């Protein structure tokens, strides 16, 4: 039996295990359709270990952007983005996460109304291919729900196939009191159908109607979309809100066993379609639950590191590093070809669920207060007892880095660079969010216009106006791009920053300092971070036991190119150095 035959046998067995309540005849039909989808990729397929090995390295950096974050009148926004990336951001990242680009009716693209095409405003599939010619592309599979305007919903309303079997519409609504979800809107929304009013499941809001993954044909529908993404230039696939897709009465409807089985099935299919592809799960939940998609090694390659942004933000605000150090010291070892996607800011808010069991309620409250002082807002989720609990902070990361007081720009640039350097330093794949890089403050006008708190951090930029801003080399946006591009280039040369390279948090008695060792032996890089607004004198020989400085050996800061051969040197406020031993 060939390796491909073995993989296909595993796929068939997985289908049977996920859908035991379906007849053998139906599963055989689904299996036949699945083979038709995969068949073009099975021809001459062999094990390409080199292709799998090359999924990432120390040059792997993600840039997160909406397809219309940068726009120009009378031009498709993907063309505008491609031109801007080529001319201004080419060295900043190797992967571009283009947030949902399919037609959508709300939630920044996450209420998909058509799975067949790219939204006309953004362009077409060829525009996406053009962007992928120089960068890998990450695309979103919005798996849990569709827009209330999607054809499946229209079919549901008219009782036309396949709509009634594609939409979650429980006959009983009193068996779901244990459901965990990230919103405080109603779990069910009533819609008027040919057969009268029916309740449909709306995890994220009334315009986002959940699809029924208990029907195996839903798997086929999204597998076809995945193939469409891959054949049009996508390499990395983000599974949006994957944790919520499976519903069973009297359960939390979160991370249920079939969810993990479906991720494994998607992984197996993806490795047949494109062995070097990367699968990413997005689950804004407590850390242990988040890591559950990585620990077996046969589900996702990456999971969003939701713990990092709020922990780092609190450390920057307070200068206290105890929680950050403790978290870094207990970093979980993950299987080969798996890691974390490290970020400080994204299109969503700064999630708070990942702090559960890590930060106490008083410190979380203080974090919310500090954010609100800088113009931030707080979004809530509804608990099963009816109470509302803070779920995420809504604030632009640039505004979050501002200083409280009459001059809020004091150390703003330094804090921002510290946060991005920290993200680039820890184990995993780093990601930048375009509005943050462009020094976007809280977008008050957009929030007032839509009432959506997340719009505080979703500013759009007119291309020509943005280019004028970047002509001023002293503008925050220009400085951010210049500095981060330099850092990414430096990082790409250092093997110690491979996403899977070892990481050790070195114990230090300096409260506002964090020291990390990335990599081993001659490849080691020592990361030292001053987390305070004060100058910091540090003696690396006293803090790092493995360092052996001799007259022949010196310490090189790879960021600035400066050498240190003295026992003690001084770090500027919020400075980060990447030290290596050199002759």
Protein backbone atom coordinates (compact mmCIF):
# COMPACT_ATOMS: atom_id res chain seq x y z
CA UNK A 1 0.00 0.00 0.00
CA UNK A 2 1.38 3.40 -1.00
CA UNK A 3 1.59 6.30 1.41
CA UNK A 4 -1.21 8.04 -0.50
CA UNK A 5 -3.45 4.99 -0.19
CA UNK A 6 -2.76 4.92 3.53
CA UNK A 7 -3.64 8.62 3.83
CA UNK A 8 -6.89 8.10 1.94
CA UNK A 9 -7.81 5.15 4.15
CA UNK A 10 -7.29 7.36 7.18
CA UNK A 11 -9.54 10.00 5.64
CA UNK A 12 -12.33 7.52 5.08
CA UNK A 13 -12.03 6.16 8.61
CA UNK A 14 -12.11 9.71 9.99
CA UNK A 15 -15.33 10.45 8.10
CA UNK A 16 -16.95 7.38 9.56
CA UNK A 17 -15.86 8.33 13.10
CA UNK A 18 -17.06 11.94 12.86
CA UNK A 19 -20.45 11.05 11.37
CA UNK A 20 -21.51 7.73 12.98
CA UNK A 21 -25.22 8.57 12.77
CA UNK A 22 -25.19 8.73 8.98
CA UNK A 23 -25.85 5.64 6.89
CA UNK A 24 -23.12 3.74 5.11
CA UNK A 25 -24.70 4.73 1.82
CA UNK A 26 -24.54 8.45 2.66
CA UNK A 27 -20.95 8.23 3.90
CA UNK A 28 -19.97 6.39 0.70
CA UNK A 29 -21.55 9.19 -1.32
CA UNK A 30 -19.68 11.83 0.69
CA UNK A 31 -16.47 9.84 0.31
CA UNK A 32 -16.91 9.67 -3.45
CA UNK A 33 -17.37 13.46 -3.61
CA UNK A 34 -14.36 14.02 -1.35
CA UNK A 35 -12.20 11.91 -3.67
CA UNK A 36 -13.36 13.97 -6.65
CA UNK A 37 -12.25 17.14 -4.86
CA UNK A 38 -8.84 15.70 -3.95
CA UNK A 39 -8.20 13.74 -7.15
CA UNK A 40 -6.36 16.53 -9.05
CA UNK A 41 -3.84 16.70 -6.21
CA UNK A 42 -3.29 12.94 -5.94
CA UNK A 43 -1.70 12.55 -9.36
CA UNK A 44 2.01 11.72 -9.02
CA UNK A 45 1.86 12.66 -5.36
CA UNK A 46 4.81 11.55 -3.29
CA UNK A 47 6.20 12.42 0.10
CA UNK A 48 7.95 15.75 -0.20
CA UNK A 49 9.69 16.00 3.15
CA UNK A 50 11.74 18.98 1.99
CA UNK A 51 8.54 20.88 1.18
CA UNK A 52 7.14 20.10 4.64
CA UNK A 53 10.40 21.14 6.30
CA UNK A 54 10.28 24.55 4.63
CA UNK A 55 6.98 25.79 6.05
CA UNK A 56 8.78 28.43 8.13
CA UNK A 57 12.12 29.74 9.38
CA UNK A 58 13.57 32.80 11.12
CA UNK A 59 12.46 35.02 8.22
CA UNK A 60 8.80 34.06 8.64
CA UNK A 61 6.78 37.11 9.69
CA UNK A 62 3.07 37.72 9.08
CA UNK A 63 1.48 41.06 8.18
CA UNK A 64 -2.24 41.22 9.00
CA UNK A 65 -4.38 43.53 6.86
CA UNK A 66 -7.87 43.96 5.54
CA UNK A 67 -8.16 43.72 1.75
CA UNK A 68 -9.20 47.39 1.79
CA UNK A 69 -6.98 48.72 4.58
CA UNK A 70 -5.32 50.77 1.85
CA UNK A 71 -7.56 52.08 -0.92
CA UNK A 72 -7.48 54.37 -3.93
CA UNK A 73 -10.43 55.69 -5.90
CA UNK A 74 -11.43 53.62 -8.95
CA UNK A 75 -8.92 50.86 -8.20
CA UNK A 76 -9.50 47.40 -6.75
CA UNK A 77 -8.09 47.43 -3.25
CA UNK A 78 -6.09 44.21 -3.68
CA UNK A 79 -4.20 45.91 -6.53
CA UNK A 80 -3.61 48.93 -4.31
CA UNK A 81 -2.40 46.66 -1.51
CA UNK A 82 -0.10 44.73 -3.85
CA UNK A 83 1.49 47.95 -5.10
CA UNK A 84 1.91 49.33 -1.58
CA UNK A 85 3.46 46.12 -0.27
CA UNK A 86 5.84 45.99 -3.22
CA UNK A 87 6.98 49.60 -2.92
CA UNK A 88 6.81 50.22 0.83
CA UNK A 89 6.49 47.00 2.84
CA UNK A 90 8.37 44.40 0.83
CA UNK A 91 10.89 43.62 3.56
CA UNK A 92 8.48 43.70 6.47
CA UNK A 93 6.93 40.25 6.14
CA UNK A 94 7.03 36.99 4.21
CA UNK A 95 3.35 36.17 4.77
CA UNK A 96 0.38 38.49 4.28
CA UNK A 97 -2.82 37.65 6.10
CA UNK A 98 -5.54 39.15 3.93
CA UNK A 99 -8.57 39.25 6.20
CA UNK A 100 -11.88 38.04 4.67
CA UNK A 101 -12.12 39.07 1.04
CA UNK A 102 -15.32 37.26 0.03
CA UNK A 103 -18.59 39.23 -0.21
CA UNK A 104 -19.91 39.95 3.29
CA UNK A 105 -22.71 41.88 4.96
CA UNK A 106 -21.15 42.77 8.33
CA UNK A 107 -18.47 42.14 10.98
CA UNK A 108 -15.55 43.25 8.85
CA UNK A 109 -15.94 40.44 6.33
CA UNK A 110 -16.82 37.65 8.76
CA UNK A 111 -20.47 37.43 7.67
CA UNK A 112 -19.82 35.78 4.30
CA UNK A 113 -22.67 36.02 1.79
CA UNK A 114 -21.01 34.28 -1.18
CA UNK A 115 -18.32 31.58 -1.23
CA UNK A 116 -17.73 31.70 -4.98
CA UNK A 117 -16.05 35.05 -5.62
CA UNK A 118 -14.00 37.87 -4.18
CA UNK A 119 -15.92 41.02 -3.33
CA UNK A 120 -15.91 43.29 -6.39
CA UNK A 121 -14.56 46.21 -4.36
CA UNK A 122 -11.47 44.17 -3.49
CA UNK A 123 -10.87 42.70 -6.95
CA UNK A 124 -10.82 39.13 -8.22
CA UNK A 125 -8.93 35.87 -7.86
CA UNK A 126 -6.20 37.05 -10.25
CA UNK A 127 -5.53 40.02 -7.97
CA UNK A 128 -5.00 37.60 -5.08
CA UNK A 129 -2.65 35.54 -7.25
CA UNK A 130 -0.66 38.67 -8.09
CA UNK A 131 -0.22 39.45 -4.39
CA UNK A 132 0.93 35.85 -3.82
CA UNK A 133 3.73 36.13 -6.40
CA UNK A 134 6.09 37.68 -3.83
CA UNK A 135 4.48 36.71 -0.50
CA UNK A 136 2.74 33.75 0.99
CA UNK A 137 -0.95 34.44 1.60
CA UNK A 138 -2.99 33.58 4.67
CA UNK A 139 -6.75 33.34 4.05
CA UNK A 140 -9.72 32.85 6.37
CA UNK A 141 -12.06 29.88 6.35
CA UNK A 142 -15.04 31.33 8.21
CA UNK A 143 -16.34 27.92 9.24
CA UNK A 144 -18.92 28.52 11.94
CA UNK A 145 -21.46 30.70 10.19
CA UNK A 146 -22.62 32.52 7.08
CA UNK A 147 -24.39 35.82 6.49
CA UNK A 148 -28.15 36.00 6.87
CA UNK A 149 -28.04 36.94 3.16
CA UNK A 150 -26.18 33.77 2.11
CA UNK A 151 -27.93 31.48 -0.43
CA UNK A 152 -28.05 28.69 2.16
CA UNK A 153 -30.11 30.91 4.44
CA UNK A 154 -32.42 31.93 1.59
CA UNK A 155 -32.89 28.24 0.82
CA UNK A 156 -33.60 27.57 4.49
CA UNK A 157 -36.27 30.29 4.49
CA UNK A 158 -37.90 28.84 1.35
CA UNK A 159 -37.50 25.19 2.52
CA UNK A 160 -35.37 24.44 -0.53
CA UNK A 161 -32.46 22.00 -0.42
CA UNK A 162 -29.82 22.10 0.87
CA UNK A 163 -30.77 25.01 3.14
CA UNK A 164 -32.84 23.17 5.80
CA UNK A 165 -29.99 20.70 6.45
CA UNK A 166 -27.24 23.33 6.31
CA UNK A 167 -28.50 25.74 8.99
CA UNK A 168 -28.57 25.06 12.75
CA UNK A 169 -32.20 25.38 13.87
CA UNK A 170 -32.82 23.33 17.02
CA UNK A 171 -36.38 22.23 17.73
CA UNK A 172 -35.71 22.72 21.44
CA UNK A 173 -34.14 25.88 22.80
CA UNK A 174 -34.10 24.96 26.50
CA UNK A 175 -31.26 22.42 26.40
CA UNK A 176 -28.48 24.90 25.70
CA UNK A 177 -28.01 26.62 29.05
CA UNK A 178 -24.37 25.44 29.29
CA UNK A 179 -23.28 27.04 26.02
CA UNK A 180 -20.13 29.18 26.23
CA UNK A 181 -19.87 31.98 23.68
CA UNK A 182 -18.05 35.31 23.25
CA UNK A 183 -21.04 37.63 22.88
CA UNK A 184 -23.88 39.08 24.96
CA UNK A 185 -26.41 39.02 22.11
CA UNK A 186 -29.16 36.38 21.90
CA UNK A 187 -28.00 32.83 21.16
CA UNK A 188 -31.02 32.32 18.90
CA UNK A 189 -32.55 34.61 16.30
CA UNK A 190 -36.08 34.15 14.97
CA UNK A 191 -36.47 34.35 11.20
CA UNK A 192 -39.63 34.12 9.13
CA UNK A 193 -39.64 31.06 6.85
CA UNK A 194 -42.10 29.40 4.51
CA UNK A 195 -43.08 27.21 7.46
CA UNK A 196 -43.43 30.08 9.92
CA UNK A 197 -40.98 31.59 12.39
CA UNK A 198 -37.99 29.42 13.26
CA UNK A 199 -35.10 29.90 15.68
CA UNK A 200 -31.64 29.78 14.13
CA UNK A 201 -28.37 29.61 16.04
CA UNK A 202 -26.41 32.87 16.03
CA UNK A 203 -23.22 32.48 18.08
CA UNK A 204 -21.79 35.84 17.04
CA UNK A 205 -24.85 37.93 16.26
CA UNK A 206 -28.10 38.04 14.28
CA UNK A 207 -26.41 38.56 10.89
CA UNK A 208 -24.15 35.51 11.33
CA UNK A 209 -26.16 32.30 11.18
CA UNK A 210 -24.44 29.09 12.22
CA UNK A 211 -24.09 26.22 9.76
CA UNK A 212 -24.69 22.62 10.79
CA UNK A 213 -21.42 20.69 10.80
CA UNK A 214 -23.31 17.54 11.82
CA UNK A 215 -24.10 17.36 8.10
CA UNK A 216 -20.99 15.95 6.31
CA UNK A 217 -21.87 17.93 3.18
CA UNK A 218 -20.88 21.09 5.08
CA UNK A 219 -17.38 19.63 5.31
CA UNK A 220 -17.38 19.15 1.54
CA UNK A 221 -18.55 22.72 0.94
CA UNK A 222 -15.69 24.17 2.97
CA UNK A 223 -13.16 21.75 1.50
CA UNK A 224 -14.09 23.08 -1.95
CA UNK A 225 -13.54 26.62 -0.66
CA UNK A 226 -10.18 25.60 0.80
CA UNK A 227 -9.15 24.23 -2.61
CA UNK A 228 -10.29 27.48 -4.23
CA UNK A 229 -8.06 29.40 -1.83
CA UNK A 230 -5.02 27.20 -2.42
CA UNK A 231 -5.33 27.20 -6.22
CA UNK A 232 -5.58 31.00 -6.18
CA UNK A 233 -2.44 31.64 -4.19
CA UNK A 234 -3.14 31.00 -0.49
CA UNK A 235 -0.58 28.96 1.47
CA UNK A 236 -1.71 29.49 5.06
CA UNK A 237 -5.30 28.72 6.09
CA UNK A 238 -6.83 30.29 9.20
CA UNK A 239 -9.74 28.40 10.77
CA UNK A 240 -11.89 31.20 12.13
CA UNK A 241 -13.87 30.47 15.32
CA UNK A 242 -13.26 26.75 14.84
CA UNK A 243 -14.01 25.93 18.49
CA UNK A 244 -17.73 26.71 18.14
CA UNK A 245 -18.73 24.67 15.08
CA UNK A 246 -20.20 21.55 16.75
CA UNK A 247 -23.38 21.69 18.84
CA UNK A 248 -24.67 19.06 21.25
CA UNK A 249 -27.42 19.53 23.89
CA UNK A 250 -26.40 20.00 27.53
CA UNK A 251 -22.75 20.72 26.62
CA UNK A 252 -20.70 23.92 26.38
CA UNK A 253 -20.66 23.54 22.56
CA UNK A 254 -17.00 24.53 22.75
CA UNK A 255 -14.01 22.37 21.69
CA UNK A 256 -16.19 19.25 21.51
CA UNK A 257 -14.41 16.09 20.34
CA UNK A 258 -15.81 16.25 16.78
CA UNK A 259 -14.23 19.71 16.41
CA UNK A 260 -10.77 18.26 16.96
CA UNK A 261 -11.58 15.39 14.59
CA UNK A 262 -12.66 17.85 11.90
CA UNK A 263 -9.43 19.86 12.30
CA UNK A 264 -7.47 16.61 11.89
CA UNK A 265 -9.49 15.79 8.79
CA UNK A 266 -8.87 19.24 7.31
CA UNK A 267 -5.17 18.84 8.10
CA UNK A 268 -5.01 15.50 6.28
CA UNK A 269 -6.77 16.93 3.24
CA UNK A 270 -4.58 20.03 3.22
CA UNK A 271 -1.38 17.98 3.29
CA UNK A 272 -2.58 16.13 0.18
CA UNK A 273 -3.55 19.37 -1.58
CA UNK A 274 -0.38 21.25 -0.62
CA UNK A 275 2.13 19.61 1.75
CA UNK A 276 3.82 22.91 2.63
CA UNK A 277 0.55 24.62 3.60
CA UNK A 278 0.08 25.85 7.17
CA UNK A 279 -3.12 25.39 9.17
CA UNK A 280 -3.90 27.97 11.87
CA UNK A 281 -6.56 27.80 14.58
CA UNK A 282 -8.07 30.96 16.04
CA UNK A 283 -9.60 30.29 19.47
CA UNK A 284 -9.80 33.19 21.92
CA UNK A 285 -10.08 30.98 25.01
CA UNK A 286 -8.00 30.06 28.09
CA UNK A 287 -4.48 28.99 27.15
CA UNK A 288 -4.84 25.27 27.89
CA UNK A 289 -7.86 25.07 25.60
CA UNK A 290 -6.06 27.05 22.91
CA UNK A 291 -3.06 24.72 22.95
CA UNK A 292 -5.30 21.65 22.65
CA UNK A 293 -5.23 22.11 18.87
CA UNK A 294 -1.43 21.73 18.83
CA UNK A 295 -0.40 19.21 21.45
CA UNK A 296 -1.19 16.04 19.47
CA UNK A 297 0.78 17.28 16.46
CA UNK A 298 -1.82 16.20 13.88
CA UNK A 299 -4.25 19.13 13.99
CA UNK A 300 -3.09 22.72 13.48
CA UNK A 301 0.44 23.95 12.77
CA UNK A 302 -0.16 27.29 14.50
CA UNK A 303 -2.49 28.69 17.14
CA UNK A 304 -2.96 32.37 17.94
CA UNK A 305 -1.08 33.27 21.13
CA UNK A 306 -3.91 35.17 22.81
CA UNK A 307 -2.10 35.22 26.16
CA UNK A 308 0.71 37.47 24.91
CA UNK A 309 -1.05 40.82 24.19
CA UNK A 310 -2.74 41.42 27.57
CA UNK A 311 0.23 40.09 29.59
CA UNK A 312 2.68 42.26 27.68
CA UNK A 313 0.39 45.28 27.90
CA UNK A 314 0.10 44.96 31.68
CA UNK A 315 3.88 44.64 32.02
CA UNK A 316 4.42 47.79 29.95
CA UNK A 317 1.86 49.75 31.96
CA UNK A 318 3.10 48.68 35.39
CA UNK A 319 6.75 47.70 34.90
CA UNK A 320 5.88 44.46 36.71
CA UNK A 321 7.25 41.43 34.92
CA UNK A 322 6.34 38.68 37.38
CA UNK A 323 3.42 37.24 35.40
CA UNK A 324 5.20 37.57 32.08
CA UNK A 325 8.31 35.82 33.43
CA UNK A 326 6.28 33.06 35.05
CA UNK A 327 4.39 32.48 31.81
CA UNK A 328 7.59 32.43 29.74
CA UNK A 329 9.24 30.05 32.21
CA UNK A 330 6.45 27.50 31.81
CA UNK A 331 6.25 27.67 28.01
CA UNK A 332 4.85 24.37 26.80
CA UNK A 333 6.97 22.26 24.48
CA UNK A 334 5.03 21.52 21.32
CA UNK A 335 5.39 18.81 18.66
CA UNK A 336 7.50 19.29 15.55
CA UNK A 337 5.98 21.56 12.88
CA UNK A 338 3.74 23.27 15.43
CA UNK A 339 4.14 26.65 17.11
CA UNK A 340 2.33 29.81 18.18
CA UNK A 341 1.41 32.91 16.20
CA UNK A 342 2.65 35.80 18.34
CA UNK A 343 0.98 39.18 17.96
CA UNK A 344 0.14 42.27 19.98
CA UNK A 345 -2.73 43.58 17.88
CA UNK A 346 -5.16 42.25 15.31
CA UNK A 347 -8.46 43.13 13.67
CA UNK A 348 -10.20 42.00 16.87
CA UNK A 349 -9.71 43.40 20.35
CA UNK A 350 -7.19 42.34 22.97
CA UNK A 351 -8.71 39.12 24.31
CA UNK A 352 -9.02 38.64 28.05
CA UNK A 353 -10.10 35.00 28.30
CA UNK A 354 -6.50 33.84 27.93
CA UNK A 355 -5.74 35.53 31.29
CA UNK A 356 -8.03 33.15 33.17
CA UNK A 357 -5.92 31.34 35.75
CA UNK A 358 -2.94 33.62 35.06
CA UNK A 359 -3.93 37.14 36.19
CA UNK A 360 -6.18 37.90 39.18
CA UNK A 361 -9.36 39.96 38.89
CA UNK A 362 -7.87 43.09 40.47
CA UNK A 363 -4.96 43.24 38.03
CA UNK A 364 -7.33 42.63 35.12
CA UNK A 365 -9.51 45.48 36.40
CA UNK A 366 -6.46 47.75 36.63
CA UNK A 367 -5.53 46.80 33.06
CA UNK A 368 -9.00 47.77 31.85
CA UNK A 369 -8.76 51.10 33.67
CA UNK A 370 -5.37 51.91 32.12
CA UNK A 371 -6.72 51.08 28.68
CA UNK A 372 -9.79 53.25 29.20
CA UNK A 373 -7.55 56.18 30.19
CA UNK A 374 -6.09 55.93 26.68
CA UNK A 375 -9.48 55.91 24.98
CA UNK A 376 -10.06 52.16 25.02
CA UNK A 377 -13.42 50.43 25.43
CA UNK A 378 -14.38 47.04 26.87
CA UNK A 379 -16.56 44.43 25.16
CA UNK A 380 -18.39 41.76 27.16
CA UNK A 381 -19.63 38.20 26.78
CA UNK A 382 -22.69 36.74 28.48
CA UNK A 383 -22.22 33.90 30.96
CA UNK A 384 -24.72 31.05 31.34
CA UNK A 385 -26.06 32.70 34.53
CA UNK A 386 -26.92 35.84 32.57
CA UNK A 387 -24.06 37.98 33.88
CA UNK A 388 -21.84 39.94 31.49
CA UNK A 389 -18.07 39.54 31.81
CA UNK A 390 -15.27 41.56 30.13
CA UNK A 391 -14.18 39.68 27.02
CA UNK A 392 -11.78 41.99 25.20
CA UNK A 393 -10.21 45.43 25.18
CA UNK A 394 -10.97 47.54 22.14
CA UNK A 395 -8.15 49.99 21.50
CA UNK A 396 -5.58 50.62 18.79
CA UNK A 397 -2.19 49.29 19.87
CA UNK A 398 -0.58 52.62 19.01
CA UNK A 399 -2.98 54.43 21.38
CA UNK A 400 -2.43 51.70 23.97
CA UNK A 401 1.29 52.54 23.90
CA UNK A 402 0.63 56.21 24.67
CA UNK A 403 1.55 57.79 27.98
CA UNK A 404 -0.97 58.96 30.53
CA UNK A 405 -0.56 62.67 31.13
CA UNK A 406 -0.34 66.00 29.34
CA UNK A 407 2.10 64.73 26.71
CA UNK A 408 0.81 61.31 25.74
CA UNK A 409 3.55 60.76 23.15
CA UNK A 410 6.31 60.43 25.77
CA UNK A 411 7.93 57.02 25.16
CA UNK A 412 5.07 56.02 22.82
CA UNK A 413 7.47 55.12 20.01
CA UNK A 414 9.83 53.31 22.41
CA UNK A 415 7.00 51.33 24.00
CA UNK A 416 5.64 50.36 20.61
CA UNK A 417 9.03 49.14 19.40
CA UNK A 418 9.58 47.23 22.63
CA UNK A 419 6.27 45.44 22.15
CA UNK A 420 7.06 44.49 18.55
CA UNK A 421 10.62 43.43 19.37
CA UNK A 422 9.32 41.28 22.20
CA UNK A 423 6.93 39.62 19.77
CA UNK A 424 9.82 39.02 17.35
CA UNK A 425 11.97 37.58 20.15
CA UNK A 426 9.85 34.86 21.71
CA UNK A 427 9.33 31.37 20.36
CA UNK A 428 6.88 31.16 17.48
CA UNK A 429 5.92 33.07 14.33
CA UNK A 430 5.55 36.86 14.83
CA UNK A 431 2.77 38.92 13.28
CA UNK A 432 2.29 42.65 12.75
CA UNK A 433 -1.08 44.37 12.26
CA UNK A 434 -0.92 46.99 9.50
CA UNK A 435 -2.78 49.83 11.31
CA UNK A 436 -0.42 49.38 14.26
CA UNK A 437 2.64 49.59 12.02
CA UNK A 438 1.15 52.74 10.48
CA UNK A 439 0.76 54.28 13.96
CA UNK A 440 -3.01 54.41 13.73
CA UNK A 441 -4.60 55.98 16.84
CA UNK A 442 -8.09 55.09 18.05
CA UNK A 443 -10.43 55.57 15.10
CA UNK A 444 -13.12 57.47 16.98
CA UNK A 445 -14.93 58.57 13.81
CA UNK A 446 -15.44 55.00 12.58
CA UNK A 447 -16.65 53.87 15.99
CA UNK A 448 -19.15 56.71 16.18
CA UNK A 449 -20.37 55.90 12.68
CA UNK A 450 -20.91 52.16 13.22
CA UNK A 451 -21.22 51.75 16.98
CA UNK A 452 -18.88 48.75 16.68
CA UNK A 453 -16.15 48.91 19.31
CA UNK A 454 -13.70 46.91 17.22
CA UNK A 455 -13.78 49.67 14.61
CA UNK A 456 -11.57 51.70 16.95
CA UNK A 457 -8.73 49.56 15.61
CA UNK A 458 -9.70 49.14 11.96
CA UNK A 459 -8.66 52.40 10.32
CA UNK A 460 -8.58 52.50 6.51
CA UNK A 461 -5.93 54.57 4.69
CA UNK A 462 -6.28 56.45 1.40
CA UNK A 463 -3.17 55.43 -0.54
CA UNK A 464 -2.03 58.82 -1.79
CA UNK A 465 -2.52 60.48 1.58
CA UNK A 466 -0.60 57.65 3.23
CA UNK A 467 2.27 58.03 0.77
CA UNK A 468 2.44 61.72 1.64
CA UNK A 469 2.70 60.81 5.33
CA UNK A 470 5.52 58.37 4.60
CA UNK A 471 7.50 61.04 2.74
CA UNK A 472 8.07 62.57 6.17
CA UNK A 473 10.78 60.30 7.54
CA UNK A 474 10.08 61.59 11.05
CA UNK A 475 6.43 60.54 11.02
CA UNK A 476 5.64 57.65 13.39
CA UNK A 477 4.44 55.49 10.49
CA UNK A 478 7.64 56.04 8.50
CA UNK A 479 9.84 55.41 11.53
CA UNK A 480 7.93 52.23 12.42
CA UNK A 481 8.25 50.79 8.92
CA UNK A 482 11.96 51.66 8.67
CA UNK A 483 12.88 50.27 12.07
CA UNK A 484 10.81 47.09 11.84
CA UNK A 485 12.03 46.32 8.32
CA UNK A 486 15.61 46.55 9.61
CA UNK A 487 14.81 44.29 12.56
CA UNK A 488 13.10 41.67 10.37
CA UNK A 489 16.16 41.60 8.10
CA UNK A 490 18.47 41.12 11.10
CA UNK A 491 16.20 38.44 12.54
CA UNK A 492 16.16 36.45 9.30
CA UNK A 493 19.93 35.89 9.63
CA UNK A 494 19.71 34.45 13.14
CA UNK A 495 18.89 30.74 13.34
CA UNK A 496 17.97 31.13 17.00
CA UNK A 497 14.73 32.82 15.93
CA UNK A 498 13.42 29.83 14.01
CA UNK A 499 9.81 29.39 15.24
CA UNK A 500 10.67 26.06 16.85
CA UNK A 501 14.12 26.95 18.23
CA UNK A 502 14.48 26.53 21.98
CA UNK A 503 13.65 29.31 24.42
CA UNK A 504 14.68 29.73 28.03
CA UNK A 505 13.61 32.50 30.38
CA UNK A 506 16.70 33.29 32.46
CA UNK A 507 15.97 34.05 36.08
CA UNK A 508 16.95 37.54 37.15
CA UNK A 509 16.45 39.57 40.30
CA UNK A 510 15.90 42.75 38.28
CA UNK A 511 12.16 43.36 38.51
CA UNK A 512 11.72 45.36 35.32
CA UNK A 513 14.02 43.26 33.13
CA UNK A 514 13.38 40.12 31.10
CA UNK A 515 16.21 37.96 29.75
CA UNK A 516 15.64 35.16 27.25
CA UNK A 517 17.98 32.70 25.58
CA UNK A 518 16.89 31.66 22.10
CA UNK A 519 18.65 28.77 20.43
CA UNK A 520 21.57 26.71 21.70
CA UNK A 521 25.36 26.80 21.76
CA UNK A 522 26.99 28.98 19.09
CA UNK A 523 23.60 29.89 17.61
CA UNK A 524 22.33 31.33 20.90
CA UNK A 525 20.87 34.83 21.03
CA UNK A 526 20.40 36.51 24.41
CA UNK A 527 17.42 38.83 24.45
CA UNK A 528 17.45 41.51 27.16
CA UNK A 529 14.39 43.75 27.55
CA UNK A 530 14.18 46.86 29.70
CA UNK A 531 10.46 46.98 30.52
CA UNK A 532 10.59 50.36 32.26
CA UNK A 533 10.84 54.08 31.55
CA UNK A 534 14.16 54.25 33.44
CA UNK A 535 17.72 53.59 32.32
CA UNK A 536 18.81 50.10 33.29
CA UNK A 537 22.37 49.07 34.17
CA UNK A 538 22.94 45.40 33.59
CA UNK A 539 25.84 43.02 34.04
CA UNK A 540 25.28 40.10 31.67
CA UNK A 541 28.01 38.02 33.31
CA UNK A 542 26.13 38.14 36.61
CA UNK A 543 22.74 37.46 35.03
CA UNK A 544 23.61 34.84 32.41
CA UNK A 545 25.59 31.91 33.81
CA UNK A 546 26.39 30.39 30.42
CA UNK A 547 28.17 33.51 29.14
CA UNK A 548 31.94 33.25 29.00
CA UNK A 549 33.44 36.59 28.06
CA UNK A 550 37.17 36.57 27.37
CA UNK A 551 39.52 39.11 25.80
CA UNK A 552 38.86 37.28 22.52
CA UNK A 553 35.06 37.27 22.91
CA UNK A 554 32.73 40.23 22.86
CA UNK A 555 28.99 40.73 22.96
CA UNK A 556 27.39 42.05 19.80
CA UNK A 557 23.97 43.67 19.84
CA UNK A 558 22.66 42.54 16.47
CA UNK A 559 20.02 45.28 16.42
CA UNK A 560 22.32 48.30 16.69
CA UNK A 561 25.62 46.70 15.66
CA UNK A 562 27.20 47.86 18.95
CA UNK A 563 29.80 45.78 20.79
CA UNK A 564 30.05 45.33 24.55
CA UNK A 565 33.16 44.02 26.24
CA UNK A 566 32.66 45.50 29.68
CA UNK A 567 31.08 43.89 32.70
CA UNK A 568 28.22 46.37 32.79
CA UNK A 569 26.35 48.33 30.18
CA UNK A 570 23.29 50.54 30.18
CA UNK A 571 19.96 50.05 28.40
CA UNK A 572 17.77 52.97 27.43
CA UNK A 573 14.14 53.06 28.57
CA UNK A 574 12.20 50.24 26.86
CA UNK A 575 15.27 49.14 24.91
CA UNK A 576 15.70 45.58 23.68
CA UNK A 577 19.04 44.05 22.66
CA UNK A 578 19.79 40.81 20.82
CA UNK A 579 23.22 39.71 22.03
CA UNK A 580 25.49 37.10 20.51
CA UNK A 581 29.04 36.11 21.42
CA UNK A 582 31.48 37.05 18.71
CA UNK A 583 35.24 37.14 18.20
